[in-house]
Amino acid sequence: MYTLLEVDENTHTPTFGTLLKRVHNEDKAQFEQKIQTAFHDQSPFEFQHRLEMPDGYIKYCHSIGIIHNYAILSATMQDITETKVEENKIEASKKSAQEANKAKSTFLANMRHEIRTPLNGIIGYNQLLLQ
């Protein structure tokens, strides 16, 4: 957890407050809701969220855990930043490929029309000349 939160284990004690300070603002409500639900129901939780480091770098995390006896939080938090970055690259590539395919289809449809129209005229004149 020290490495994930980028704190010195000699000077900082990881607490829920320390963790909550690093949770990305857009994810805080979901994070707190998941923990509160797990606390209230004494049920396991599992979700993904982002941590914002002091330098502004964003880490993606996958958290799994349970709260025991309304007091003890047992959890693991895995850094999935590399996986998320790769997923985002794949999604961007997929979107780019879909846009390219759409542009190709539009181009081919237009070219088919542009070639077919004059060709129909040429074929028609050719048939007239053959008669």
N, C-alpha and C. Protein backbone atom coordinates (compact mmCIF):
# COMPACT_ATOMS: atom_id res chain seq x y z
N MET A 1 0.82 -1.18 0.00
CA MET A 1 0.00 0.00 0.00
C MET A 1 0.87 1.25 0.00
N TYR A 2 2.01 1.18 0.66
CA TYR A 2 2.92 2.33 0.68
C TYR A 2 3.34 2.71 -0.74
N THR A 3 3.68 1.69 -1.52
CA THR A 3 4.11 1.92 -2.89
C THR A 3 2.96 2.48 -3.73
N LEU A 4 1.81 1.90 -3.59
CA LEU A 4 0.65 2.33 -4.37
C LEU A 4 0.27 3.77 -4.05
N LEU A 5 0.30 4.13 -2.77
CA LEU A 5 -0.05 5.49 -2.36
C LEU A 5 1.14 6.45 -2.45
N GLU A 6 2.31 5.90 -2.71
CA GLU A 6 3.55 6.68 -2.81
C GLU A 6 3.82 7.47 -1.53
N VAL A 7 3.78 6.75 -0.40
CA VAL A 7 4.12 7.35 0.89
C VAL A 7 5.26 6.56 1.50
N ASP A 8 6.01 7.23 2.35
CA ASP A 8 7.16 6.62 3.02
C ASP A 8 6.66 5.82 4.22
N GLU A 9 6.99 4.54 4.27
CA GLU A 9 6.50 3.69 5.35
C GLU A 9 7.10 4.06 6.70
N ASN A 10 8.21 4.80 6.71
CA ASN A 10 8.83 5.22 7.96
C ASN A 10 8.15 6.45 8.56
N THR A 11 7.50 7.25 7.73
CA THR A 11 6.90 8.49 8.23
C THR A 11 5.39 8.53 8.15
N HIS A 12 4.78 7.62 7.41
CA HIS A 12 3.32 7.62 7.26
C HIS A 12 2.73 6.27 7.63
N THR A 13 1.58 6.34 8.27
CA THR A 13 0.82 5.14 8.56
C THR A 13 -0.39 5.16 7.63
N PRO A 14 -0.55 4.11 6.81
CA PRO A 14 -1.69 4.14 5.89
C PRO A 14 -3.01 4.03 6.68
N THR A 15 -3.87 5.00 6.43
CA THR A 15 -5.18 4.99 7.06
C THR A 15 -6.22 5.14 5.97
N PHE A 16 -7.49 4.95 6.35
CA PHE A 16 -8.56 5.14 5.39
C PHE A 16 -8.59 6.59 4.92
N GLY A 17 -8.29 7.51 5.81
CA GLY A 17 -8.24 8.93 5.46
C GLY A 17 -7.15 9.22 4.44
N THR A 18 -5.99 8.61 4.62
CA THR A 18 -4.89 8.78 3.67
C THR A 18 -5.30 8.29 2.29
N LEU A 19 -5.95 7.13 2.28
CA LEU A 19 -6.41 6.55 1.02
C LEU A 19 -7.47 7.44 0.38
N LEU A 20 -8.42 7.89 1.18
CA LEU A 20 -9.52 8.72 0.66
C LEU A 20 -9.02 10.03 0.06
N LYS A 21 -7.95 10.58 0.62
CA LYS A 21 -7.37 11.81 0.07
C LYS A 21 -6.84 11.59 -1.34
N ARG A 22 -6.39 10.38 -1.63
CA ARG A 22 -5.82 10.08 -2.95
C ARG A 22 -6.85 9.64 -3.97
N VAL A 23 -8.05 9.25 -3.53
CA VAL A 23 -9.09 8.81 -4.48
C VAL A 23 -9.47 10.00 -5.36
N HIS A 24 -9.51 9.76 -6.66
CA HIS A 24 -9.86 10.80 -7.64
C HIS A 24 -11.21 11.40 -7.29
N ASN A 25 -11.34 12.72 -7.43
CA ASN A 25 -12.59 13.41 -7.07
C ASN A 25 -13.82 12.82 -7.74
N GLU A 26 -13.70 12.42 -9.00
CA GLU A 26 -14.84 11.86 -9.73
C GLU A 26 -15.23 10.48 -9.22
N ASP A 27 -14.33 9.82 -8.50
CA ASP A 27 -14.59 8.46 -8.00
C ASP A 27 -14.93 8.42 -6.52
N LYS A 28 -14.79 9.55 -5.81
CA LYS A 28 -14.98 9.54 -4.35
C LYS A 28 -16.37 9.10 -3.93
N ALA A 29 -17.40 9.60 -4.59
CA ALA A 29 -18.77 9.25 -4.19
C ALA A 29 -18.99 7.75 -4.32
N GLN A 30 -18.57 7.17 -5.46
CA GLN A 30 -18.72 5.73 -5.67
C GLN A 30 -17.89 4.95 -4.64
N PHE A 31 -16.67 5.41 -4.41
CA PHE A 31 -15.78 4.75 -3.46
C PHE A 31 -16.42 4.72 -2.07
N GLU A 32 -16.87 5.87 -1.61
CA GLU A 32 -17.48 5.94 -0.28
C GLU A 32 -18.76 5.11 -0.20
N GLN A 33 -19.57 5.14 -1.26
CA GLN A 33 -20.81 4.38 -1.28
C GLN A 33 -20.54 2.89 -1.19
N LYS A 34 -19.54 2.41 -1.95
CA LYS A 34 -19.20 0.97 -1.91
C LYS A 34 -18.74 0.56 -0.52
N ILE A 35 -17.89 1.39 0.09
CA ILE A 35 -17.38 1.07 1.43
C ILE A 35 -18.51 1.11 2.45
N GLN A 36 -19.38 2.12 2.37
CA GLN A 36 -20.50 2.23 3.31
C GLN A 36 -21.46 1.05 3.18
N THR A 37 -21.73 0.64 1.93
CA THR A 37 -22.61 -0.51 1.71
C THR A 37 -21.98 -1.77 2.31
N ALA A 38 -20.70 -1.96 2.07
CA ALA A 38 -20.00 -3.13 2.62
C ALA A 38 -20.01 -3.08 4.15
N PHE A 39 -19.83 -1.88 4.72
CA PHE A 39 -19.84 -1.73 6.17
C PHE A 39 -21.22 -2.04 6.73
N HIS A 40 -22.26 -1.50 6.10
CA HIS A 40 -23.63 -1.69 6.58
C HIS A 40 -24.08 -3.15 6.45
N ASP A 41 -23.78 -3.76 5.27
CA ASP A 41 -24.23 -5.13 5.00
C ASP A 41 -23.26 -6.20 5.47
N GLN A 42 -22.08 -5.78 5.91
CA GLN A 42 -21.02 -6.74 6.25
C GLN A 42 -20.79 -7.68 5.08
N SER A 43 -20.75 -7.11 3.88
CA SER A 43 -20.60 -7.89 2.65
C SER A 43 -19.30 -7.52 1.95
N PRO A 44 -18.82 -8.39 1.10
CA PRO A 44 -17.61 -8.10 0.33
C PRO A 44 -17.85 -6.96 -0.66
N PHE A 45 -16.78 -6.29 -1.04
CA PHE A 45 -16.87 -5.27 -2.08
C PHE A 45 -15.78 -5.51 -3.12
N GLU A 46 -16.06 -5.04 -4.32
CA GLU A 46 -15.09 -5.13 -5.41
C GLU A 46 -15.45 -4.05 -6.41
N PHE A 47 -14.49 -3.19 -6.73
CA PHE A 47 -14.73 -2.12 -7.69
C PHE A 47 -13.40 -1.55 -8.17
N GLN A 48 -13.49 -0.76 -9.22
CA GLN A 48 -12.31 -0.09 -9.76
C GLN A 48 -12.45 1.40 -9.52
N HIS A 49 -11.33 2.04 -9.27
CA HIS A 49 -11.33 3.48 -9.03
C HIS A 49 -9.96 4.04 -9.40
N ARG A 50 -9.87 5.34 -9.36
CA ARG A 50 -8.59 6.00 -9.68
C ARG A 50 -8.03 6.67 -8.44
N LEU A 51 -6.71 6.71 -8.38
CA LEU A 51 -6.00 7.45 -7.34
C LEU A 51 -5.24 8.57 -8.01
N GLU A 52 -5.27 9.74 -7.39
CA GLU A 52 -4.53 10.88 -7.93
C GLU A 52 -3.32 11.13 -7.04
N MET A 53 -2.15 11.04 -7.65
CA MET A 53 -0.91 11.23 -6.92
C MET A 53 -0.63 12.73 -6.75
N PRO A 54 0.24 13.09 -5.81
CA PRO A 54 0.53 14.51 -5.58
C PRO A 54 1.04 15.24 -6.83
N ASP A 55 1.72 14.52 -7.72
CA ASP A 55 2.24 15.15 -8.94
C ASP A 55 1.19 15.21 -10.06
N GLY A 56 -0.05 14.74 -9.78
CA GLY A 56 -1.12 14.78 -10.76
C GLY A 56 -1.27 13.50 -11.57
N TYR A 57 -0.34 12.57 -11.42
CA TYR A 57 -0.41 11.30 -12.13
C TYR A 57 -1.60 10.49 -11.62
N ILE A 58 -2.32 9.86 -12.54
CA ILE A 58 -3.50 9.07 -12.18
C ILE A 58 -3.16 7.59 -12.23
N LYS A 59 -3.47 6.88 -11.16
CA LYS A 59 -3.31 5.43 -11.11
C LYS A 59 -4.70 4.81 -11.07
N TYR A 60 -4.87 3.72 -11.81
CA TYR A 60 -6.12 2.97 -11.79
C TYR A 60 -5.93 1.79 -10.84
N CYS A 61 -6.93 1.55 -9.99
CA CYS A 61 -6.83 0.49 -9.00
C CYS A 61 -8.06 -0.42 -9.03
N HIS A 62 -7.84 -1.66 -8.66
CA HIS A 62 -8.91 -2.63 -8.50
C HIS A 62 -8.88 -3.02 -7.03
N SER A 63 -9.96 -2.71 -6.31
CA SER A 63 -10.03 -2.98 -4.88
C SER A 63 -11.02 -4.10 -4.59
N ILE A 64 -10.60 -4.99 -3.70
CA ILE A 64 -11.43 -6.11 -3.26
C ILE A 64 -11.28 -6.20 -1.75
N GLY A 65 -12.38 -6.38 -1.04
CA GLY A 65 -12.24 -6.51 0.41
C GLY A 65 -13.55 -6.80 1.11
N ILE A 66 -13.46 -6.79 2.44
CA ILE A 66 -14.62 -7.01 3.30
C ILE A 66 -14.36 -6.31 4.62
N ILE A 67 -15.45 -5.91 5.27
CA ILE A 67 -15.34 -5.30 6.59
C ILE A 67 -15.86 -6.32 7.61
N HIS A 68 -15.03 -6.60 8.62
CA HIS A 68 -15.37 -7.59 9.64
C HIS A 68 -15.82 -6.88 10.92
N ASN A 69 -16.88 -7.35 11.51
CA ASN A 69 -17.34 -6.87 12.82
C ASN A 69 -17.47 -5.34 12.88
N TYR A 70 -17.88 -4.75 11.80
CA TYR A 70 -18.10 -3.30 11.72
C TYR A 70 -16.87 -2.47 12.06
N ALA A 71 -15.70 -3.06 11.98
CA ALA A 71 -14.52 -2.29 12.37
C ALA A 71 -13.28 -2.58 11.55
N ILE A 72 -13.04 -3.83 11.20
CA ILE A 72 -11.77 -4.20 10.58
C ILE A 72 -11.96 -4.32 9.07
N LEU A 73 -11.18 -3.58 8.35
CA LEU A 73 -11.23 -3.61 6.89
C LEU A 73 -10.09 -4.49 6.39
N SER A 74 -10.45 -5.58 5.71
CA SER A 74 -9.46 -6.44 5.05
C SER A 74 -9.63 -6.23 3.56
N ALA A 75 -8.59 -5.78 2.91
CA ALA A 75 -8.73 -5.48 1.49
C ALA A 75 -7.40 -5.59 0.77
N THR A 76 -7.52 -5.74 -0.52
CA THR A 76 -6.34 -5.63 -1.39
C THR A 76 -6.65 -4.58 -2.45
N MET A 77 -5.61 -3.92 -2.87
CA MET A 77 -5.76 -2.92 -3.91
C MET A 77 -4.63 -3.17 -4.92
N GLN A 78 -5.03 -3.44 -6.15
CA GLN A 78 -4.07 -3.77 -7.19
C GLN A 78 -3.97 -2.62 -8.17
N ASP A 79 -2.74 -2.25 -8.52
CA ASP A 79 -2.50 -1.21 -9.52
C ASP A 79 -2.75 -1.81 -10.91
N ILE A 80 -3.78 -1.31 -11.60
CA ILE A 80 -4.13 -1.82 -12.93
C ILE A 80 -3.93 -0.73 -13.99
N THR A 81 -3.06 0.23 -13.69
CA THR A 81 -2.85 1.36 -14.59
C THR A 81 -2.41 0.91 -15.98
N GLU A 82 -1.43 0.02 -16.04
CA GLU A 82 -0.93 -0.44 -17.34
C GLU A 82 -2.04 -1.11 -18.15
N THR A 83 -2.86 -1.92 -17.49
CA THR A 83 -3.97 -2.58 -18.17
C THR A 83 -4.95 -1.56 -18.71
N LYS A 84 -5.30 -0.56 -17.90
CA LYS A 84 -6.25 0.47 -18.33
C LYS A 84 -5.69 1.30 -19.49
N VAL A 85 -4.40 1.62 -19.42
CA VAL A 85 -3.78 2.38 -20.51
C VAL A 85 -3.85 1.58 -21.81
N GLU A 86 -3.55 0.29 -21.74
CA GLU A 86 -3.64 -0.56 -22.93
C GLU A 86 -5.08 -0.68 -23.43
N GLU A 87 -6.03 -0.82 -22.51
CA GLU A 87 -7.44 -0.88 -22.91
C GLU A 87 -7.85 0.41 -23.62
N ASN A 88 -7.39 1.54 -23.10
CA ASN A 88 -7.71 2.83 -23.74
C ASN A 88 -7.09 2.93 -25.12
N LYS A 89 -5.87 2.43 -25.28
CA LYS A 89 -5.22 2.43 -26.59
C LYS A 89 -5.99 1.55 -27.58
N ILE A 90 -6.40 0.38 -27.12
CA ILE A 90 -7.16 -0.54 -27.97
C ILE A 90 -8.48 0.10 -28.38
N GLU A 91 -9.15 0.73 -27.43
CA GLU A 91 -10.43 1.39 -27.72
C GLU A 91 -10.24 2.52 -28.73
N ALA A 92 -9.17 3.30 -28.57
CA ALA A 92 -8.89 4.38 -29.51
C ALA A 92 -8.58 3.82 -30.90
N SER A 93 -7.81 2.74 -30.96
CA SER A 93 -7.50 2.11 -32.23
C SER A 93 -8.76 1.55 -32.90
N LYS A 94 -9.61 0.95 -32.10
CA LYS A 94 -10.87 0.40 -32.62
C LYS A 94 -11.74 1.52 -33.19
N LYS A 95 -11.83 2.62 -32.46
CA LYS A 95 -12.63 3.76 -32.93
C LYS A 95 -12.05 4.32 -34.22
N SER A 96 -10.74 4.43 -34.28
CA SER A 96 -10.07 4.94 -35.48
C SER A 96 -10.32 4.01 -36.68
N ALA A 97 -10.25 2.71 -36.44
CA ALA A 97 -10.50 1.74 -37.52
C ALA A 97 -11.95 1.82 -37.99
N GLN A 98 -12.88 2.00 -37.06
CA GLN A 98 -14.28 2.11 -37.45
C GLN A 98 -14.53 3.37 -38.27
N GLU A 99 -13.88 4.47 -37.88
CA GLU A 99 -14.02 5.71 -38.65
C GLU A 99 -13.42 5.57 -40.04
N ALA A 100 -12.27 4.90 -40.13
CA ALA A 100 -11.63 4.67 -41.43
C ALA A 100 -12.51 3.79 -42.31
N ASN A 101 -13.11 2.76 -41.72
CA ASN A 101 -13.99 1.87 -42.48
C ASN A 101 -15.21 2.64 -42.99
N LYS A 102 -15.77 3.51 -42.16
CA LYS A 102 -16.92 4.31 -42.57
C LYS A 102 -16.52 5.26 -43.72
N ALA A 103 -15.35 5.88 -43.61
CA ALA A 103 -14.87 6.78 -44.68
C ALA A 103 -14.66 6.00 -45.98
N LYS A 104 -14.10 4.79 -45.87
CA LYS A 104 -13.89 3.95 -47.05
C LYS A 104 -15.22 3.60 -47.71
N SER A 105 -16.19 3.20 -46.90
CA SER A 105 -17.51 2.84 -47.44
C SER A 105 -18.17 4.02 -48.12
N THR A 106 -18.09 5.19 -47.51
CA THR A 106 -18.67 6.40 -48.11
C THR A 106 -17.97 6.73 -49.43
N PHE A 107 -16.64 6.63 -49.43
CA PHE A 107 -15.87 6.90 -50.64
C PHE A 107 -16.26 5.94 -51.77
N LEU A 108 -16.33 4.66 -51.45
CA LEU A 108 -16.68 3.66 -52.47
C LEU A 108 -18.10 3.87 -53.00
N ALA A 109 -19.02 4.21 -52.12
CA ALA A 109 -20.40 4.46 -52.56
C ALA A 109 -20.44 5.66 -53.49
N ASN A 110 -19.73 6.72 -53.15
CA ASN A 110 -19.69 7.91 -54.00
C ASN A 110 -19.02 7.62 -55.34
N MET A 111 -17.91 6.89 -55.30
CA MET A 111 -17.19 6.58 -56.54
C MET A 111 -18.03 5.67 -57.43
N ARG A 112 -18.74 4.75 -56.86
CA ARG A 112 -19.61 3.86 -57.63
C ARG A 112 -20.66 4.68 -58.37
N HIS A 113 -21.24 5.62 -57.66
CA HIS A 113 -22.24 6.48 -58.28
C HIS A 113 -21.61 7.36 -59.37
N GLU A 114 -20.45 7.93 -59.09
CA GLU A 114 -19.78 8.82 -60.04
C GLU A 114 -19.34 8.07 -61.31
N ILE A 115 -18.96 6.83 -61.19
CA ILE A 115 -18.53 6.05 -62.35
C ILE A 115 -19.75 5.49 -63.09
N ARG A 116 -20.74 5.02 -62.36
CA ARG A 116 -21.90 4.39 -62.97
C ARG A 116 -22.72 5.38 -63.82
N THR A 117 -22.90 6.61 -63.35
CA THR A 117 -23.73 7.57 -64.08
C THR A 117 -23.18 7.85 -65.48
N PRO A 118 -21.90 8.24 -65.65
CA PRO A 118 -21.40 8.47 -67.01
C PRO A 118 -21.32 7.17 -67.83
N LEU A 119 -21.04 6.07 -67.14
CA LEU A 119 -20.93 4.79 -67.84
C LEU A 119 -22.28 4.40 -68.43
N ASN A 120 -23.36 4.66 -67.71
CA ASN A 120 -24.70 4.38 -68.24
C ASN A 120 -24.94 5.19 -69.52
N GLY A 121 -24.48 6.43 -69.53
CA GLY A 121 -24.62 7.26 -70.74
C GLY A 121 -23.82 6.70 -71.89
N ILE A 122 -22.60 6.28 -71.64
CA ILE A 122 -21.74 5.72 -72.68
C ILE A 122 -22.36 4.44 -73.23
N ILE A 123 -22.85 3.57 -72.35
CA ILE A 123 -23.47 2.32 -72.79
C ILE A 123 -24.72 2.61 -73.63
N GLY A 124 -25.50 3.59 -73.19
CA GLY A 124 -26.71 3.97 -73.94
C GLY A 124 -26.38 4.49 -75.34
N TYR A 125 -25.41 5.39 -75.45
CA TYR A 125 -25.00 5.90 -76.75
C TYR A 125 -24.42 4.77 -77.62
N ASN A 126 -23.67 3.89 -77.02
CA ASN A 126 -23.08 2.78 -77.74
C ASN A 126 -24.18 1.88 -78.34
N GLN A 127 -25.24 1.62 -77.57
CA GLN A 127 -26.35 0.81 -78.06
C GLN A 127 -27.09 1.52 -79.20
N LEU A 128 -27.22 2.84 -79.10
CA LEU A 128 -27.85 3.61 -80.18
C LEU A 128 -27.04 3.53 -81.46
N LEU A 129 -25.72 3.64 -81.30
CA LEU A 129 -24.84 3.59 -82.49
C LEU A 129 -24.85 2.20 -83.12
N LEU A 130 -25.01 1.16 -82.33
CA LEU A 130 -25.03 -0.20 -82.88
C LEU A 130 -26.34 -0.48 -83.64
N GLN A 131 -27.37 0.27 -83.38
CA GLN A 131 -28.65 0.03 -84.06
C GLN A 131 -28.62 0.71 -85.35
